[in-house]
Amino acid sequence: MAVKSNSRDYGVNADTGSMNEEELLIKSLQVSPEERNKVERDTIKEFFSEDWKYQRRNRITASKAGRVYRLRDDTNNTTTLKEILYPMDLSHNENILRGINMEPRAEEVWSRSRELWFTDKPE
């Protein structure tokens, strides 16, 4: 005898039924706290991480949130939405390349400042 459940979540392989595209997209972007922590660990080197690029796709990241917040009902938002959903390839951008080249130095300075802070911390 089959047991009926009130649960609306039938697993990842279930037919989507009456979900529209927007609901499917939102569902596909949701992650558990454990998955979120794994993504954070796996994408530390950001620009060099394909997973980082994949995870940012179709998400409203902190760097995009202000633009989304300022969207208005009475203006055409097509350009903003296209830029969010289909970002430009910035891998050849001079400022991006400079940041990538400076990253080891920034890590060194940051590490040193934390080390000094911890050693200089009053007991």
PDB file of N, CA and C in Angstrom:
ATOM      1  N   MET A   1       0.844  -1.179   0.000  1.00  0.00           N
ATOM      2  CA  MET A   1       0.000   0.000   0.000  1.00  0.00           C
ATOM      3  C   MET A   1       0.890   1.244   0.000  1.00  0.00           C
ATOM      4  N   ALA A   2       0.627   2.174  -0.907  1.00  0.00           N
ATOM      5  CA  ALA A   2       1.414   3.398  -1.026  1.00  0.00           C
ATOM      6  C   ALA A   2       1.047   4.378   0.071  1.00  0.00           C
ATOM      7  N   VAL A   3       2.061   5.063   0.565  1.00  0.00           N
ATOM      8  CA  VAL A   3       1.843   6.068   1.604  1.00  0.00           C
ATOM      9  C   VAL A   3       1.818   7.432   0.939  1.00  0.00           C
ATOM     10  N   LYS A   4       0.786   8.203   1.208  1.00  0.00           N
ATOM     11  CA  LYS A   4       0.686   9.548   0.651  1.00  0.00           C
ATOM     12  C   LYS A   4       1.419  10.525   1.555  1.00  0.00           C
ATOM     13  N   SER A   5       2.002  11.516   0.920  1.00  0.00           N
ATOM     14  CA  SER A   5       2.747  12.524   1.666  1.00  0.00           C
ATOM     15  C   SER A   5       2.226  13.900   1.300  1.00  0.00           C
ATOM     16  N   ASN A   6       2.257  14.805   2.244  1.00  0.00           N
ATOM     17  CA  ASN A   6       1.853  16.184   1.967  1.00  0.00           C
ATOM     18  C   ASN A   6       2.999  16.991   1.374  1.00  0.00           C
ATOM     19  N   SER A   7       4.177  16.398   1.279  1.00  0.00           N
ATOM     20  CA  SER A   7       5.351  17.096   0.764  1.00  0.00           C
ATOM     21  C   SER A   7       5.169  17.441  -0.708  1.00  0.00           C
ATOM     22  N   ARG A   8       5.557  18.673  -1.092  1.00  0.00           N
ATOM     23  CA  ARG A   8       5.482  19.123  -2.480  1.00  0.00           C
ATOM     24  C   ARG A   8       6.795  18.867  -3.210  1.00  0.00           C
ATOM     25  N   ASP A   9       7.832  18.423  -2.494  1.00  0.00           N
ATOM     26  CA  ASP A   9       9.137  18.185  -3.100  1.00  0.00           C
ATOM     27  C   ASP A   9       9.283  16.690  -3.377  1.00  0.00           C
ATOM     28  N   TYR A  10       9.247  16.322  -4.651  1.00  0.00           N
ATOM     29  CA  TYR A  10       9.324  14.919  -5.023  1.00  0.00           C
ATOM     30  C   TYR A  10      10.699  14.539  -5.547  1.00  0.00           C
ATOM     31  N   GLY A  11      11.692  15.400  -5.368  1.00  0.00           N
ATOM     32  CA  GLY A  11      13.043  15.095  -5.797  1.00  0.00           C
ATOM     33  C   GLY A  11      13.417  15.755  -7.104  1.00  0.00           C
ATOM     34  N   VAL A  12      14.701  15.695  -7.426  1.00  0.00           N
ATOM     35  CA  VAL A  12      15.225  16.405  -8.595  1.00  0.00           C
ATOM     36  C   VAL A  12      14.783  15.800  -9.915  1.00  0.00           C
ATOM     37  N   ASN A  13      14.403  14.530  -9.946  1.00  0.00           N
ATOM     38  CA  ASN A  13      14.012  13.874 -11.194  1.00  0.00           C
ATOM     39  C   ASN A  13      12.511  13.896 -11.436  1.00  0.00           C
ATOM     40  N   ALA A  14      11.770  14.521 -10.558  1.00  0.00           N
ATOM     41  CA  ALA A  14      10.315  14.541 -10.696  1.00  0.00           C
ATOM     42  C   ALA A  14       9.878  15.483 -11.800  1.00  0.00           C
ATOM     43  N   ASP A  15       8.728  15.223 -12.353  1.00  0.00           N
ATOM     44  CA  ASP A  15       8.130  16.100 -13.355  1.00  0.00           C
ATOM     45  C   ASP A  15       7.829  17.440 -12.686  1.00  0.00           C
ATOM     46  N   THR A  16       8.064  18.535 -13.396  1.00  0.00           N
ATOM     47  CA  THR A  16       7.893  19.858 -12.798  1.00  0.00           C
ATOM     48  C   THR A  16       6.433  20.252 -12.666  1.00  0.00           C
ATOM     49  N   GLY A  17       5.553  19.542 -13.295  1.00  0.00           N
ATOM     50  CA  GLY A  17       4.132  19.827 -13.146  1.00  0.00           C
ATOM     51  C   GLY A  17       3.770  21.229 -13.568  1.00  0.00           C
ATOM     52  N   SER A  18       3.223  21.982 -12.647  1.00  0.00           N
ATOM     53  CA  SER A  18       2.704  23.304 -12.987  1.00  0.00           C
ATOM     54  C   SER A  18       3.697  24.440 -12.746  1.00  0.00           C
ATOM     55  N   MET A  19       4.963  24.134 -12.488  1.00  0.00           N
ATOM     56  CA  MET A  19       5.940  25.195 -12.261  1.00  0.00           C
ATOM     57  C   MET A  19       6.234  25.925 -13.568  1.00  0.00           C
ATOM     58  N   ASN A  20       6.248  27.249 -13.502  1.00  0.00           N
ATOM     59  CA  ASN A  20       6.613  28.026 -14.687  1.00  0.00           C
ATOM     60  C   ASN A  20       8.128  28.208 -14.735  1.00  0.00           C
ATOM     61  N   GLU A  21       8.632  28.840 -15.798  1.00  0.00           N
ATOM     62  CA  GLU A  21      10.086  29.005 -15.968  1.00  0.00           C
ATOM     63  C   GLU A  21      10.724  29.734 -14.802  1.00  0.00           C
ATOM     64  N   GLU A  22      10.075  30.775 -14.318  1.00  0.00           N
ATOM     65  CA  GLU A  22      10.630  31.561 -13.212  1.00  0.00           C
ATOM     66  C   GLU A  22      10.765  30.702 -11.956  1.00  0.00           C
ATOM     67  N   GLU A  23       9.736  29.931 -11.648  1.00  0.00           N
ATOM     68  CA  GLU A  23       9.785  29.072 -10.464  1.00  0.00           C
ATOM     69  C   GLU A  23      10.874  27.995 -10.608  1.00  0.00           C
ATOM     70  N   LEU A  24      11.024  27.447 -11.817  1.00  0.00           N
ATOM     71  CA  LEU A  24      12.065  26.455 -12.063  1.00  0.00           C
ATOM     72  C   LEU A  24      13.452  27.051 -11.884  1.00  0.00           C
ATOM     73  N   LEU A  25      13.651  28.281 -12.387  1.00  0.00           N
ATOM     74  CA  LEU A  25      14.946  28.949 -12.240  1.00  0.00           C
ATOM     75  C   LEU A  25      15.251  29.177 -10.769  1.00  0.00           C
ATOM     76  N   ILE A  26      14.297  29.703 -10.039  1.00  0.00           N
ATOM     77  CA  ILE A  26      14.502  29.975  -8.614  1.00  0.00           C
ATOM     78  C   ILE A  26      14.833  28.681  -7.873  1.00  0.00           C
ATOM     79  N   LYS A  27      14.093  27.628  -8.157  1.00  0.00           N
ATOM     80  CA  LYS A  27      14.340  26.333  -7.507  1.00  0.00           C
ATOM     81  C   LYS A  27      15.745  25.814  -7.833  1.00  0.00           C
ATOM     82  N   SER A  28      16.182  26.004  -9.074  1.00  0.00           N
ATOM     83  CA  SER A  28      17.498  25.497  -9.481  1.00  0.00           C
ATOM     84  C   SER A  28      18.642  26.274  -8.824  1.00  0.00           C
ATOM     85  N   LEU A  29      18.386  27.495  -8.374  1.00  0.00           N
ATOM     86  CA  LEU A  29      19.432  28.321  -7.771  1.00  0.00           C
ATOM     87  C   LEU A  29      19.513  28.161  -6.255  1.00  0.00           C
ATOM     88  N   GLN A  30      18.538  27.506  -5.665  1.00  0.00           N
ATOM     89  CA  GLN A  30      18.540  27.334  -4.219  1.00  0.00           C
ATOM     90  C   GLN A  30      19.524  26.247  -3.820  1.00  0.00           C
ATOM     91  N   VAL A  31      20.285  26.526  -2.763  1.00  0.00           N
ATOM     92  CA  VAL A  31      21.251  25.552  -2.257  1.00  0.00           C
ATOM     93  C   VAL A  31      21.126  25.455  -0.741  1.00  0.00           C
ATOM     94  N   SER A  32      21.522  24.324  -0.216  1.00  0.00           N
ATOM     95  CA  SER A  32      21.501  24.120   1.232  1.00  0.00           C
ATOM     96  C   SER A  32      22.697  24.849   1.853  1.00  0.00           C
ATOM     97  N   PRO A  33      22.677  25.036   3.166  1.00  0.00           N
ATOM     98  CA  PRO A  33      23.843  25.650   3.818  1.00  0.00           C
ATOM     99  C   PRO A  33      25.133  24.856   3.561  1.00  0.00           C
ATOM    100  N   GLU A  34      25.042  23.534   3.521  1.00  0.00           N
ATOM    101  CA  GLU A  34      26.226  22.709   3.252  1.00  0.00           C
ATOM    102  C   GLU A  34      26.739  22.960   1.836  1.00  0.00           C
ATOM    103  N   GLU A  35      25.815  23.016   0.862  1.00  0.00           N
ATOM    104  CA  GLU A  35      26.206  23.291  -0.528  1.00  0.00           C
ATOM    105  C   GLU A  35      26.818  24.684  -0.644  1.00  0.00           C
ATOM    106  N   ARG A  36      26.228  25.652   0.055  1.00  0.00           N
ATOM    107  CA  ARG A  36      26.750  27.020   0.036  1.00  0.00           C
ATOM    108  C   ARG A  36      28.192  27.056   0.544  1.00  0.00           C
ATOM    109  N   ASN A  37      28.463  26.350   1.638  1.00  0.00           N
ATOM    110  CA  ASN A  37      29.818  26.304   2.192  1.00  0.00           C
ATOM    111  C   ASN A  37      30.795  25.634   1.224  1.00  0.00           C
ATOM    112  N   LYS A  38      30.333  24.588   0.546  1.00  0.00           N
ATOM    113  CA  LYS A  38      31.188  23.902  -0.428  1.00  0.00           C
ATOM    114  C   LYS A  38      31.510  24.831  -1.593  1.00  0.00           C
ATOM    115  N   VAL A  39      30.510  25.561  -2.089  1.00  0.00           N
ATOM    116  CA  VAL A  39      30.731  26.513  -3.185  1.00  0.00           C
ATOM    117  C   VAL A  39      31.741  27.563  -2.754  1.00  0.00           C
ATOM    118  N   GLU A  40      31.601  28.058  -1.530  1.00  0.00           N
ATOM    119  CA  GLU A  40      32.539  29.064  -1.027  1.00  0.00           C
ATOM    120  C   GLU A  40      33.975  28.529  -1.033  1.00  0.00           C
ATOM    121  N   ARG A  41      34.162  27.312  -0.538  1.00  0.00           N
ATOM    122  CA  ARG A  41      35.507  26.717  -0.502  1.00  0.00           C
ATOM    123  C   ARG A  41      36.044  26.455  -1.905  1.00  0.00           C
ATOM    124  N   ASP A  42      35.190  25.959  -2.782  1.00  0.00           N
ATOM    125  CA  ASP A  42      35.626  25.547  -4.125  1.00  0.00           C
ATOM    126  C   ASP A  42      35.881  26.706  -5.077  1.00  0.00           C
ATOM    127  N   THR A  43      35.454  27.898  -4.712  1.00  0.00           N
ATOM    128  CA  THR A  43      35.563  29.025  -5.648  1.00  0.00           C
ATOM    129  C   THR A  43      36.451  30.148  -5.116  1.00  0.00           C
ATOM    130  N   ILE A  44      37.367  29.825  -4.235  1.00  0.00           N
ATOM    131  CA  ILE A  44      38.212  30.842  -3.607  1.00  0.00           C
ATOM    132  C   ILE A  44      39.015  31.648  -4.622  1.00  0.00           C
ATOM    133  N   LYS A  45      39.552  31.032  -5.632  1.00  0.00           N
ATOM    134  CA  LYS A  45      40.369  31.757  -6.612  1.00  0.00           C
ATOM    135  C   LYS A  45      39.513  32.440  -7.685  1.00  0.00           C
ATOM    136  N   GLU A  46      38.267  32.604  -7.427  1.00  0.00           N
ATOM    137  CA  GLU A  46      37.292  33.301  -8.260  1.00  0.00           C
ATOM    138  C   GLU A  46      37.544  33.240  -9.756  1.00  0.00           C
ATOM    139  N   PHE A  47      38.252  34.198 -10.281  1.00  0.00           N
ATOM    140  CA  PHE A  47      38.360  34.386 -11.722  1.00  0.00           C
ATOM    141  C   PHE A  47      38.889  33.142 -12.429  1.00  0.00           C
ATOM    142  N   PHE A  48      39.748  32.374 -11.778  1.00  0.00           N
ATOM    143  CA  PHE A  48      40.322  31.189 -12.397  1.00  0.00           C
ATOM    144  C   PHE A  48      39.448  29.956 -12.197  1.00  0.00           C
ATOM    145  N   SER A  49      38.369  30.105 -11.485  1.00  0.00           N
ATOM    146  CA  SER A  49      37.504  28.976 -11.173  1.00  0.00           C
ATOM    147  C   SER A  49      36.290  28.948 -12.099  1.00  0.00           C
ATOM    148  N   GLU A  50      36.190  27.879 -12.900  1.00  0.00           N
ATOM    149  CA  GLU A  50      35.016  27.721 -13.760  1.00  0.00           C
ATOM    150  C   GLU A  50      33.763  27.573 -12.906  1.00  0.00           C
ATOM    151  N   ASP A  51      33.913  26.923 -11.747  1.00  0.00           N
ATOM    152  CA  ASP A  51      32.773  26.757 -10.851  1.00  0.00           C
ATOM    153  C   ASP A  51      32.296  28.113 -10.344  1.00  0.00           C
ATOM    154  N   TRP A  52      33.224  29.019 -10.055  1.00  0.00           N
ATOM    155  CA  TRP A  52      32.860  30.371  -9.608  1.00  0.00           C
ATOM    156  C   TRP A  52      32.017  31.061 -10.668  1.00  0.00           C
ATOM    157  N   LYS A  53      32.455  30.969 -11.924  1.00  0.00           N
ATOM    158  CA  LYS A  53      31.706  31.593 -13.016  1.00  0.00           C
ATOM    159  C   LYS A  53      30.335  30.948 -13.164  1.00  0.00           C
ATOM    160  N   TYR A  54      30.281  29.627 -13.062  1.00  0.00           N
ATOM    161  CA  TYR A  54      29.014  28.908 -13.175  1.00  0.00           C
ATOM    162  C   TYR A  54      28.065  29.296 -12.045  1.00  0.00           C
ATOM    163  N   GLN A  55      28.571  29.362 -10.830  1.00  0.00           N
ATOM    164  CA  GLN A  55      27.732  29.680  -9.677  1.00  0.00           C
ATOM    165  C   GLN A  55      27.164  31.097  -9.752  1.00  0.00           C
ATOM    166  N   ARG A  56      27.891  32.025 -10.333  1.00  0.00           N
ATOM    167  CA  ARG A  56      27.440  33.415 -10.435  1.00  0.00           C
ATOM    168  C   ARG A  56      26.400  33.617 -11.538  1.00  0.00           C
ATOM    169  N   ARG A  57      26.391  32.692 -12.495  1.00  0.00           N
ATOM    170  CA  ARG A  57      25.464  32.820 -13.617  1.00  0.00           C
ATOM    171  C   ARG A  57      24.026  32.772 -13.100  1.00  0.00           C
ATOM    172  N   ASN A  58      23.207  33.706 -13.534  1.00  0.00           N
ATOM    173  CA  ASN A  58      21.780  33.795 -13.198  1.00  0.00           C
ATOM    174  C   ASN A  58      21.496  34.109 -11.732  1.00  0.00           C
ATOM    175  N   ARG A  59      22.513  34.479 -10.973  1.00  0.00           N
ATOM    176  CA  ARG A  59      22.286  34.844  -9.579  1.00  0.00           C
ATOM    177  C   ARG A  59      22.436  36.348  -9.411  1.00  0.00           C
ATOM    178  N   ILE A  60      21.707  36.877  -8.472  1.00  0.00           N
ATOM    179  CA  ILE A  60      21.867  38.280  -8.106  1.00  0.00           C
ATOM    180  C   ILE A  60      22.938  38.303  -7.016  1.00  0.00           C
ATOM    181  N   THR A  61      24.163  38.600  -7.418  1.00  0.00           N
ATOM    182  CA  THR A  61      25.273  38.640  -6.470  1.00  0.00           C
ATOM    183  C   THR A  61      25.303  40.001  -5.790  1.00  0.00           C
ATOM    184  N   ALA A  62      26.116  40.131  -4.775  1.00  0.00           N
ATOM    185  CA  ALA A  62      26.222  41.399  -4.051  1.00  0.00           C
ATOM    186  C   ALA A  62      26.605  42.531  -4.999  1.00  0.00           C
ATOM    187  N   SER A  63      27.470  42.238  -5.956  1.00  0.00           N
ATOM    188  CA  SER A  63      27.898  43.291  -6.884  1.00  0.00           C
ATOM    189  C   SER A  63      26.782  43.701  -7.848  1.00  0.00           C
ATOM    190  N   LYS A  64      25.741  42.897  -7.974  1.00  0.00           N
ATOM    191  CA  LYS A  64      24.623  43.220  -8.870  1.00  0.00           C
ATOM    192  C   LYS A  64      23.393  43.714  -8.111  1.00  0.00           C
ATOM    193  N   ALA A  65      23.362  43.514  -6.811  1.00  0.00           N
ATOM    194  CA  ALA A  65      22.169  43.791  -6.018  1.00  0.00           C
ATOM    195  C   ALA A  65      21.714  45.247  -6.088  1.00  0.00           C
ATOM    196  N   GLY A  66      22.651  46.182  -6.059  1.00  0.00           N
ATOM    197  CA  GLY A  66      22.292  47.601  -6.116  1.00  0.00           C
ATOM    198  C   GLY A  66      21.578  47.953  -7.405  1.00  0.00           C
ATOM    199  N   ARG A  67      22.071  47.422  -8.512  1.00  0.00           N
ATOM    200  CA  ARG A  67      21.428  47.692  -9.802  1.00  0.00           C
ATOM    201  C   ARG A  67      20.019  47.111  -9.837  1.00  0.00           C
ATOM    202  N   VAL A  68      19.856  45.930  -9.298  1.00  0.00           N
ATOM    203  CA  VAL A  68      18.538  45.294  -9.285  1.00  0.00           C
ATOM    204  C   VAL A  68      17.600  46.076  -8.368  1.00  0.00           C
ATOM    205  N   TYR A  69      18.099  46.494  -7.228  1.00  0.00           N
ATOM    206  CA  TYR A  69      17.290  47.244  -6.269  1.00  0.00           C
ATOM    207  C   TYR A  69      16.756  48.536  -6.893  1.00  0.00           C
ATOM    208  N   ARG A  70      17.573  49.177  -7.734  1.00  0.00           N
ATOM    209  CA  ARG A  70      17.180  50.454  -8.327  1.00  0.00           C
ATOM    210  C   ARG A  70      16.311  50.315  -9.575  1.00  0.00           C
ATOM    211  N   LEU A  71      16.043  49.091 -10.027  1.00  0.00           N
ATOM    212  CA  LEU A  71      15.174  48.914 -11.194  1.00  0.00           C
ATOM    213  C   LEU A  71      13.794  49.473 -10.874  1.00  0.00           C
ATOM    214  N   ARG A  72      13.205  50.127 -11.850  1.00  0.00           N
ATOM    215  CA  ARG A  72      11.896  50.745 -11.633  1.00  0.00           C
ATOM    216  C   ARG A  72      10.874  50.130 -12.570  1.00  0.00           C
ATOM    217  N   ASP A  73       9.641  50.127 -12.118  1.00  0.00           N
ATOM    218  CA  ASP A  73       8.558  49.575 -12.932  1.00  0.00           C
ATOM    219  C   ASP A  73       8.297  50.404 -14.184  1.00  0.00           C
ATOM    220  N   ASP A  74       8.582  51.693 -14.135  1.00  0.00           N
ATOM    221  CA  ASP A  74       8.213  52.572 -15.245  1.00  0.00           C
ATOM    222  C   ASP A  74       9.339  52.807 -16.262  1.00  0.00           C
ATOM    223  N   THR A  75      10.442  52.065 -16.157  1.00  0.00           N
ATOM    224  CA  THR A  75      11.526  52.210 -17.134  1.00  0.00           C
ATOM    225  C   THR A  75      11.836  50.863 -17.767  1.00  0.00           C
ATOM    226  N   ASN A  76      12.454  50.897 -18.937  1.00  0.00           N
ATOM    227  CA  ASN A  76      12.823  49.673 -19.633  1.00  0.00           C
ATOM    228  C   ASN A  76      14.072  49.083 -18.961  1.00  0.00           C
ATOM    229  N   ASN A  77      13.955  47.886 -18.446  1.00  0.00           N
ATOM    230  CA  ASN A  77      15.042  47.245 -17.714  1.00  0.00           C
ATOM    231  C   ASN A  77      15.781  46.197 -18.551  1.00  0.00           C
ATOM    232  N   THR A  78      15.489  46.147 -19.836  1.00  0.00           N
ATOM    233  CA  THR A  78      16.046  45.113 -20.699  1.00  0.00           C
ATOM    234  C   THR A  78      17.568  45.083 -20.677  1.00  0.00           C
ATOM    235  N   THR A  79      18.198  46.241 -20.806  1.00  0.00           N
ATOM    236  CA  THR A  79      19.660  46.295 -20.842  1.00  0.00           C
ATOM    237  C   THR A  79      20.263  45.765 -19.544  1.00  0.00           C
ATOM    238  N   THR A  80      19.738  46.221 -18.424  1.00  0.00           N
ATOM    239  CA  THR A  80      20.249  45.775 -17.123  1.00  0.00           C
ATOM    240  C   THR A  80      20.087  44.271 -16.970  1.00  0.00           C
ATOM    241  N   LEU A  81      18.929  43.754 -17.328  1.00  0.00           N
ATOM    242  CA  LEU A  81      18.688  42.324 -17.186  1.00  0.00           C
ATOM    243  C   LEU A  81      19.584  41.510 -18.116  1.00  0.00           C
ATOM    244  N   LYS A  82      19.805  41.998 -19.333  1.00  0.00           N
ATOM    245  CA  LYS A  82      20.705  41.297 -20.260  1.00  0.00           C
ATOM    246  C   LYS A  82      22.128  41.271 -19.709  1.00  0.00           C
ATOM    247  N   GLU A  83      22.574  42.383 -19.132  1.00  0.00           N
ATOM    248  CA  GLU A  83      23.927  42.443 -18.569  1.00  0.00           C
ATOM    249  C   GLU A  83      24.087  41.485 -17.393  1.00  0.00           C
ATOM    250  N   ILE A  84      23.024  41.282 -16.627  1.00  0.00           N
ATOM    251  CA  ILE A  84      23.069  40.366 -15.492  1.00  0.00           C
ATOM    252  C   ILE A  84      23.036  38.913 -15.968  1.00  0.00           C
ATOM    253  N   LEU A  85      22.143  38.618 -16.903  1.00  0.00           N
ATOM    254  CA  LEU A  85      21.986  37.242 -17.369  1.00  0.00           C
ATOM    255  C   LEU A  85      23.062  36.805 -18.355  1.00  0.00           C
ATOM    256  N   TYR A  86      23.602  37.751 -19.116  1.00  0.00           N
ATOM    257  CA  TYR A  86      24.607  37.439 -20.132  1.00  0.00           C
ATOM    258  C   TYR A  86      25.800  38.385 -19.982  1.00  0.00           C
ATOM    259  N   PRO A  87      26.596  38.199 -18.914  1.00  0.00           N
ATOM    260  CA  PRO A  87      27.697  39.135 -18.653  1.00  0.00           C
ATOM    261  C   PRO A  87      28.770  39.091 -19.734  1.00  0.00           C
ATOM    262  N   MET A  88      29.442  40.236 -19.905  1.00  0.00           N
ATOM    263  CA  MET A  88      30.533  40.326 -20.873  1.00  0.00           C
ATOM    264  C   MET A  88      31.736  39.527 -20.380  1.00  0.00           C
ATOM    265  N   ASP A  89      32.538  39.072 -21.305  1.00  0.00           N
ATOM    266  CA  ASP A  89      33.795  38.399 -20.967  1.00  0.00           C
ATOM    267  C   ASP A  89      34.814  39.481 -20.628  1.00  0.00           C
ATOM    268  N   LEU A  90      35.209  39.531 -19.376  1.00  0.00           N
ATOM    269  CA  LEU A  90      36.144  40.564 -18.921  1.00  0.00           C
ATOM    270  C   LEU A  90      37.570  40.045 -18.805  1.00  0.00           C
ATOM    271  N   SER A  91      37.830  38.874 -19.335  1.00  0.00           N
ATOM    272  CA  SER A  91      39.142  38.265 -19.153  1.00  0.00           C
ATOM    273  C   SER A  91      40.274  39.052 -19.817  1.00  0.00           C
ATOM    274  N   HIS A  92      39.943  39.959 -20.724  1.00  0.00           N
ATOM    275  CA  HIS A  92      40.978  40.759 -21.380  1.00  0.00           C
ATOM    276  C   HIS A  92      40.970  42.222 -20.915  1.00  0.00           C
ATOM    277  N   ASN A  93      40.130  42.521 -19.929  1.00  0.00           N
ATOM    278  CA  ASN A  93      40.019  43.875 -19.397  1.00  0.00           C
ATOM    279  C   ASN A  93      41.308  44.229 -18.639  1.00  0.00           C
ATOM    280  N   GLU A  94      41.871  45.383 -18.959  1.00  0.00           N
ATOM    281  CA  GLU A  94      43.140  45.820 -18.367  1.00  0.00           C
ATOM    282  C   GLU A  94      43.092  45.849 -16.842  1.00  0.00           C
ATOM    283  N   ASN A  95      42.011  46.360 -16.274  1.00  0.00           N
ATOM    284  CA  ASN A  95      41.899  46.460 -14.819  1.00  0.00           C
ATOM    285  C   ASN A  95      41.742  45.085 -14.176  1.00  0.00           C
ATOM    286  N   ILE A  96      41.023  44.189 -14.827  1.00  0.00           N
ATOM    287  CA  ILE A  96      40.868  42.827 -14.314  1.00  0.00           C
ATOM    288  C   ILE A  96      42.232  42.130 -14.303  1.00  0.00           C
ATOM    289  N   LEU A  97      42.960  42.257 -15.401  1.00  0.00           N
ATOM    290  CA  LEU A  97      44.282  41.625 -15.499  1.00  0.00           C
ATOM    291  C   LEU A  97      45.242  42.182 -14.451  1.00  0.00           C
ATOM    292  N   ARG A  98      45.167  43.489 -14.211  1.00  0.00           N
ATOM    293  CA  ARG A  98      46.025  44.103 -13.187  1.00  0.00           C
ATOM    294  C   ARG A  98      45.678  43.533 -11.815  1.00  0.00           C
ATOM    295  N   GLY A  99      44.380  43.411 -11.533  1.00  0.00           N
ATOM    296  CA  GLY A  99      43.951  42.838 -10.258  1.00  0.00           C
ATOM    297  C   GLY A  99      44.430  41.410 -10.075  1.00  0.00           C
ATOM    298  N   ILE A 100      44.356  40.630 -11.145  1.00  0.00           N
ATOM    299  CA  ILE A 100      44.833  39.246 -11.093  1.00  0.00           C
ATOM    300  C   ILE A 100      46.328  39.213 -10.813  1.00  0.00           C
ATOM    301  N   ASN A 101      47.070  40.080 -11.489  1.00  0.00           N
ATOM    302  CA  ASN A 101      48.523  40.129 -11.290  1.00  0.00           C
ATOM    303  C   ASN A 101      48.898  40.603  -9.885  1.00  0.00           C
ATOM    304  N   MET A 102      48.074  41.472  -9.301  1.00  0.00           N
ATOM    305  CA  MET A 102      48.365  42.017  -7.975  1.00  0.00           C
ATOM    306  C   MET A 102      47.854  41.121  -6.836  1.00  0.00           C
ATOM    307  N   GLU A 103      47.051  40.132  -7.160  1.00  0.00           N
ATOM    308  CA  GLU A 103      46.435  39.310  -6.122  1.00  0.00           C
ATOM    309  C   GLU A 103      47.445  38.634  -5.189  1.00  0.00           C
ATOM    310  N   PRO A 104      48.541  38.037  -5.698  1.00  0.00           N
ATOM    311  CA  PRO A 104      49.505  37.434  -4.762  1.00  0.00           C
ATOM    312  C   PRO A 104      50.068  38.455  -3.771  1.00  0.00           C
ATOM    313  N   ARG A 105      50.335  39.647  -4.231  1.00  0.00           N
ATOM    314  CA  ARG A 105      50.862  40.699  -3.345  1.00  0.00           C
ATOM    315  C   ARG A 105      49.801  41.096  -2.314  1.00  0.00           C
ATOM    316  N   ALA A 106      48.564  41.217  -2.771  1.00  0.00           N
ATOM    317  CA  ALA A 106      47.472  41.570  -1.850  1.00  0.00           C
ATOM    318  C   ALA A 106      47.297  40.498  -0.781  1.00  0.00           C
ATOM    319  N   GLU A 107      47.379  39.235  -1.176  1.00  0.00           N
ATOM    320  CA  GLU A 107      47.285  38.135  -0.204  1.00  0.00           C
ATOM    321  C   GLU A 107      48.415  38.225   0.820  1.00  0.00           C
ATOM    322  N   GLU A 108      49.610  38.522   0.333  1.00  0.00           N
ATOM    323  CA  GLU A 108      50.775  38.636   1.221  1.00  0.00           C
ATOM    324  C   GLU A 108      50.577  39.762   2.237  1.00  0.00           C
ATOM    325  N   VAL A 109      50.165  40.925   1.766  1.00  0.00           N
ATOM    326  CA  VAL A 109      49.959  42.078   2.649  1.00  0.00           C
ATOM    327  C   VAL A 109      48.850  41.782   3.653  1.00  0.00           C
ATOM    328  N   TRP A 110      47.770  41.185   3.172  1.00  0.00           N
ATOM    329  CA  TRP A 110      46.648  40.858   4.055  1.00  0.00           C
ATOM    330  C   TRP A 110      47.086  39.871   5.133  1.00  0.00           C
ATOM    331  N   SER A 111      47.804  38.824   4.720  1.00  0.00           N
ATOM    332  CA  SER A 111      48.264  37.819   5.685  1.00  0.00           C
ATOM    333  C   SER A 111      49.176  38.443   6.731  1.00  0.00           C
ATOM    334  N   ARG A 112      50.074  39.289   6.274  1.00  0.00           N
ATOM    335  CA  ARG A 112      50.997  39.943   7.190  1.00  0.00           C
ATOM    336  C   ARG A 112      50.239  40.841   8.164  1.00  0.00           C
ATOM    337  N   SER A 113      49.246  41.566   7.686  1.00  0.00           N
ATOM    338  CA  SER A 113      48.496  42.470   8.572  1.00  0.00           C
ATOM    339  C   SER A 113      47.709  41.685   9.617  1.00  0.00           C
ATOM    340  N   ARG A 114      47.189  40.543   9.250  1.00  0.00           N
ATOM    341  CA  ARG A 114      46.459  39.711  10.227  1.00  0.00           C
ATOM    342  C   ARG A 114      47.425  39.130  11.251  1.00  0.00           C
ATOM    343  N   GLU A 115      48.572  38.725  10.797  1.00  0.00           N
ATOM    344  CA  GLU A 115      49.570  38.158  11.703  1.00  0.00           C
ATOM    345  C   GLU A 115      50.002  39.206  12.725  1.00  0.00           C
ATOM    346  N   LEU A 116      50.250  40.426  12.238  1.00  0.00           N
ATOM    347  CA  LEU A 116      50.640  41.510  13.139  1.00  0.00           C
ATOM    348  C   LEU A 116      49.515  41.830  14.107  1.00  0.00           C
ATOM    349  N   TRP A 117      48.300  41.828  13.595  1.00  0.00           N
ATOM    350  CA  TRP A 117      47.155  42.142  14.459  1.00  0.00           C
ATOM    351  C   TRP A 117      47.040  41.115  15.572  1.00  0.00           C
ATOM    352  N   PHE A 118      47.236  39.845  15.235  1.00  0.00           N
ATOM    353  CA  PHE A 118      47.115  38.815  16.249  1.00  0.00           C
ATOM    354  C   PHE A 118      48.264  38.858  17.262  1.00  0.00           C
ATOM    355  N   THR A 119      49.493  39.199  16.793  1.00  0.00           N
ATOM    356  CA  THR A 119      50.612  39.260  17.723  1.00  0.00           C
ATOM    357  C   THR A 119      50.550  40.514  18.580  1.00  0.00           C
ATOM    358  N   ASP A 120      50.000  41.597  18.036  1.00  0.00           N
ATOM    359  CA  ASP A 120      49.922  42.837  18.784  1.00  0.00           C
ATOM    360  C   ASP A 120      48.665  42.921  19.654  1.00  0.00           C
ATOM    361  N   LYS A 121      47.811  41.932  19.543  1.00  0.00           N
ATOM    362  CA  LYS A 121      46.546  41.937  20.294  1.00  0.00           C
ATOM    363  C   LYS A 121      46.834  41.888  21.792  1.00  0.00           C
ATOM    364  N   PRO A 122      46.217  42.822  22.560  1.00  0.00           N
ATOM    365  CA  PRO A 122      46.449  42.809  24.005  1.00  0.00           C
ATOM    366  C   PRO A 122      45.892  41.542  24.636  1.00  0.00           C
ATOM    367  N   GLU A 123      46.555  41.072  25.678  1.00  0.00           N
ATOM    368  CA  GLU A 123      46.137  39.820  26.333  1.00  0.00           C
ATOM    369  C   GLU A 123      45.102  40.072  27.370  1.00  0.00           C
TER     370      GLU A 123
END
